Amino acid sequence: MTMMTILDAAENRNYFASVAKACGTTASEAKSNLEKLCPAIARQLKSKSQNDYEALEALLDLLDEGGGSSDLDNLTDSEAIADGKVVLEDIYGSPSVALAEMKRLVPGLDDTQYEKISAIAATSVLAVLAKTNSVPATLAAVSDPAPQSGGLLATIISAVFKGILQGLARQLAPRRRRRRSYSDYFGTRRRKTTRRKTRARTPTLEDIFGQILGTRK
């Protein structure tokens, strides 16, 4: 699924209506604007992660924690907008640079509308990334399909492990009641770390962004 497909289903299919209410536009205008803003923000984050070790670590930390259904709730409230502003400043370098890029992509809004919809778009991008990469890397390595050479027994074992992990995910999902604060990963409140986490499997940026940007074959 692409990013816009996932967002269309968010908040019980009321996502675009919620964005419109927050930004003072119609739902169709909100959708049209986000179709331009969200992919651009995702590509900017991908580019920054290619060249910035801390940004890559912050992104991997976010994905390691997985994503619950709550990550796609309340994407237009004041907390989500505050988070989005911090994220935009981090990945574009400054609020003014981020605002200029948003205005280039979507002309015709006033400054308040630009601030809100771009911040919502940034938070939404991270929520979708967390959702689409919701299996922690340490579990993903275990749940990968068994190689052909492993035979029937290896295939059965792999299927059993995959079923167990999916069951655990369903049990844990209801506990995630509150959307996380994305400014904990990106921006001035980011938790600084000097030690790289040990990961059983580190996904490539194409793994992470390919599905939501529609570039994965």
Protein backbone atom coordinates (compact mmCIF):
# COMPACT_ATOMS: atom_id res chain seq x y z
CA MET A 1 0.00 0.00 0.00
CA THR A 2 1.18 3.51 -0.74
CA MET A 3 1.25 6.25 1.85
CA MET A 4 -1.94 7.96 0.66
CA THR A 5 -3.85 4.68 0.67
CA ILE A 6 -2.88 4.11 4.29
CA LEU A 7 -3.78 7.65 5.30
CA ASP A 8 -7.13 7.41 3.50
CA ALA A 9 -8.05 4.56 5.87
CA ALA A 10 -6.76 6.33 9.01
CA GLU A 11 -9.03 7.71 11.74
CA ASN A 12 -11.88 5.47 10.55
CA ARG A 13 -11.58 6.95 7.06
CA ASN A 14 -11.98 10.49 8.45
CA TYR A 15 -8.34 11.51 8.08
CA PHE A 16 -8.74 13.98 5.20
CA ALA A 17 -11.85 15.49 6.79
CA SER A 18 -9.87 15.98 10.03
CA VAL A 19 -7.02 17.64 8.15
CA ALA A 20 -9.50 19.91 6.38
CA LYS A 21 -11.08 20.94 9.68
CA ALA A 22 -7.70 21.69 11.25
CA CYS A 23 -6.47 23.70 8.26
CA GLY A 24 -9.63 25.44 7.10
CA THR A 25 -9.92 23.73 3.71
CA THR A 26 -12.18 21.13 2.14
CA ALA A 27 -11.43 17.42 2.42
CA SER A 28 -10.67 17.20 -1.31
CA GLU A 29 -8.26 20.15 -1.06
CA ALA A 30 -6.59 18.58 1.98
CA LYS A 31 -6.12 15.30 0.10
CA SER A 32 -4.76 17.04 -3.00
CA ASN A 33 -2.29 19.08 -0.93
CA LEU A 34 -1.11 16.08 1.09
CA GLU A 35 -0.57 14.07 -2.08
CA LYS A 36 2.16 16.61 -2.87
CA LEU A 37 3.50 17.27 0.64
CA CYS A 38 3.73 13.79 2.15
CA PRO A 39 5.86 12.13 -0.57
CA ALA A 40 8.14 15.19 -0.70
CA ILE A 41 8.67 15.06 3.08
CA ALA A 42 9.31 11.31 2.92
CA ARG A 43 11.90 11.79 0.17
CA GLN A 44 13.58 14.56 2.19
CA LEU A 45 13.76 12.29 5.24
CA LYS A 46 15.16 9.49 3.11
CA SER A 47 17.80 11.82 1.66
CA LYS A 48 18.76 13.14 5.10
CA SER A 49 19.03 9.60 6.46
CA GLN A 50 21.44 8.72 3.64
CA ASN A 51 23.83 11.48 4.69
CA ASP A 52 23.23 11.99 8.42
CA TYR A 53 24.15 9.22 10.87
CA GLU A 54 22.00 10.63 13.68
CA ALA A 55 18.96 10.94 11.42
CA LEU A 56 19.37 7.34 10.27
CA GLU A 57 19.70 6.13 13.88
CA ALA A 58 16.62 8.12 14.92
CA LEU A 59 14.64 6.59 12.05
CA LEU A 60 15.81 3.06 12.90
CA ASP A 61 14.97 3.62 16.58
CA LEU A 62 11.46 4.63 15.57
CA LEU A 63 11.02 1.54 13.40
CA ASP A 64 12.53 -0.79 16.02
CA GLU A 65 9.71 0.14 18.39
CA GLY A 66 7.12 -0.92 15.85
CA GLY A 67 3.77 0.68 15.18
CA GLY A 68 0.37 0.23 16.78
CA SER A 69 -3.04 1.30 15.60
CA SER A 70 -2.75 4.40 17.81
CA ASP A 71 0.07 5.68 15.60
CA LEU A 72 -2.52 6.53 12.95
CA ASP A 73 -4.93 8.21 15.37
CA ASN A 74 -5.09 11.90 16.31
CA LEU A 75 -2.77 12.95 13.49
CA THR A 76 -4.33 16.43 13.35
CA ASP A 77 -4.43 17.44 17.02
CA SER A 78 -2.24 20.14 18.59
CA GLU A 79 0.35 17.62 19.80
CA ALA A 80 0.71 16.13 16.33
CA ILE A 81 1.12 19.60 14.82
CA ALA A 82 3.78 20.53 17.41
CA ASP A 83 5.60 17.27 16.66
CA GLY A 84 5.44 17.91 12.93
CA LYS A 85 6.99 21.37 13.26
CA VAL A 86 9.96 19.91 15.12
CA VAL A 87 10.37 17.16 12.54
CA LEU A 88 10.24 19.60 9.63
CA GLU A 89 12.86 21.84 11.22
CA ASP A 90 15.11 18.83 11.74
CA ILE A 91 14.92 17.34 8.27
CA TYR A 92 14.91 20.64 6.31
CA GLY A 93 17.37 22.49 8.56
CA SER A 94 15.14 25.41 9.58
CA PRO A 95 11.45 26.40 9.71
CA SER A 96 11.94 28.98 6.96
CA VAL A 97 13.47 26.48 4.53
CA ALA A 98 10.69 23.98 5.27
CA LEU A 99 8.00 26.63 4.79
CA ALA A 100 9.52 27.79 1.51
CA GLU A 101 9.51 24.24 0.17
CA MET A 102 5.91 23.69 1.26
CA LYS A 103 4.86 26.91 -0.51
CA ARG A 104 6.66 25.79 -3.65
CA LEU A 105 4.83 22.45 -3.62
CA VAL A 106 1.38 23.79 -2.72
CA PRO A 107 0.76 27.43 -3.68
CA GLY A 108 -2.22 29.49 -2.56
CA LEU A 109 -2.56 28.90 1.20
CA ASP A 110 -2.00 31.41 3.96
CA ASP A 111 0.90 31.04 6.41
CA THR A 112 -1.23 29.52 9.18
CA GLN A 113 -2.59 26.90 6.80
CA TYR A 114 0.93 26.12 5.55
CA GLU A 115 2.20 25.67 9.12
CA LYS A 116 -0.60 23.32 10.05
CA ILE A 117 -0.86 21.16 6.96
CA SER A 118 2.90 20.75 6.56
CA ALA A 119 3.28 19.79 10.23
CA ILE A 120 0.41 17.30 9.95
CA ALA A 121 2.00 15.89 6.80
CA ALA A 122 5.35 15.39 8.58
CA THR A 123 3.78 13.61 11.55
CA SER A 124 1.67 11.50 9.19
CA VAL A 125 4.72 10.39 7.22
CA LEU A 126 6.39 9.11 10.39
CA ALA A 127 3.19 7.41 11.54
CA VAL A 128 2.90 5.58 8.22
CA LEU A 129 6.57 4.57 8.33
CA ALA A 130 6.11 3.19 11.85
CA LYS A 131 2.99 1.32 10.74
CA THR A 132 4.41 -0.18 7.55
CA ASN A 133 7.63 -1.25 9.30
CA SER A 134 5.88 -2.46 12.44
CA VAL A 135 7.77 -5.74 12.96
CA PRO A 136 10.96 -5.05 14.94
CA ALA A 137 14.13 -5.99 13.07
CA THR A 138 15.05 -8.69 15.60
CA LEU A 139 11.71 -10.42 14.97
CA ALA A 140 11.69 -9.81 11.24
CA ALA A 141 14.92 -11.80 10.92
CA VAL A 142 13.25 -14.79 12.58
CA SER A 143 10.03 -14.51 10.58
CA ASP A 144 11.69 -14.40 7.16
CA PRO A 145 10.58 -17.33 5.00
CA ALA A 146 12.84 -20.39 5.15
CA PRO A 147 15.18 -20.89 2.18
CA GLN A 148 14.15 -23.42 -0.46
CA SER A 149 17.05 -25.69 0.47
CA GLY A 150 15.74 -26.06 4.02
CA GLY A 151 13.14 -28.63 3.02
CA LEU A 152 9.68 -29.26 4.39
CA LEU A 153 10.69 -29.23 8.07
CA ALA A 154 12.35 -25.79 7.77
CA THR A 155 9.26 -24.45 6.00
CA ILE A 156 6.98 -25.75 8.79
CA ILE A 157 9.21 -24.27 11.51
CA SER A 158 9.25 -20.92 9.72
CA ALA A 159 5.45 -20.93 9.44
CA VAL A 160 5.07 -21.75 13.14
CA PHE A 161 7.38 -18.91 14.16
CA LYS A 162 5.56 -16.51 11.87
CA GLY A 163 2.20 -17.51 13.40
CA ILE A 164 3.54 -17.01 16.92
CA LEU A 165 4.88 -13.56 16.08
CA GLN A 166 1.63 -12.49 14.45
CA GLY A 167 -0.27 -13.67 17.52
CA LEU A 168 2.02 -11.69 19.80
CA ALA A 169 1.55 -8.59 17.65
CA ARG A 170 -2.23 -8.89 17.95
CA GLN A 171 -1.98 -9.28 21.74
CA LEU A 172 0.29 -6.27 22.15
CA ALA A 173 -1.54 -3.92 19.77
CA PRO A 174 -4.40 -2.95 22.15
CA ARG A 175 -1.91 -1.77 24.76
CA ARG A 176 -0.65 0.97 22.47
CA ARG A 177 -3.33 3.51 23.39
CA ARG A 178 -1.50 6.77 22.80
CA ARG A 179 0.30 7.98 19.73
CA ARG A 180 4.00 8.39 20.36
CA SER A 181 5.76 11.74 20.32
CA TYR A 182 7.83 11.86 17.15
CA SER A 183 9.86 14.81 18.40
CA ASP A 184 11.51 12.27 20.74
CA TYR A 185 13.20 10.86 17.64
CA PHE A 186 13.72 13.97 15.53
CA GLY A 187 14.55 17.52 16.51
CA THR A 188 15.67 19.37 19.60
CA ARG A 189 14.16 16.85 22.01
CA ARG A 190 15.74 13.87 20.31
CA ARG A 191 17.38 11.41 22.69
CA LYS A 192 21.08 11.66 21.92
CA THR A 193 23.05 8.43 21.72
CA THR A 194 26.72 7.77 21.17
CA ARG A 195 26.40 4.00 20.89
CA ARG A 196 24.94 2.31 17.84
CA LYS A 197 22.23 -0.17 18.75
CA THR A 198 22.83 -3.82 17.94
CA ARG A 199 20.31 -4.89 15.34
CA ALA A 200 19.82 -8.40 14.03
CA ARG A 201 18.88 -6.90 10.66
CA THR A 202 19.21 -3.32 9.47
CA PRO A 203 16.76 -2.56 6.65
CA THR A 204 17.90 -0.51 3.70
CA LEU A 205 16.32 2.86 3.03
CA GLU A 206 14.66 1.32 -0.01
CA ASP A 207 13.15 -1.31 2.29
CA ILE A 208 11.84 1.44 4.58
CA PHE A 209 10.55 3.94 2.02
CA GLY A 210 9.93 1.79 -1.07
CA GLN A 211 6.42 0.68 -0.18
CA ILE A 212 4.98 4.04 0.86
CA LEU A 213 6.55 5.88 -2.08
CA GLY A 214 5.55 3.18 -4.54
CA THR A 215 9.13 2.53 -5.68
CA ARG A 216 9.49 -1.04 -4.40
CA LYS A 217 9.17 -3.63 -7.15
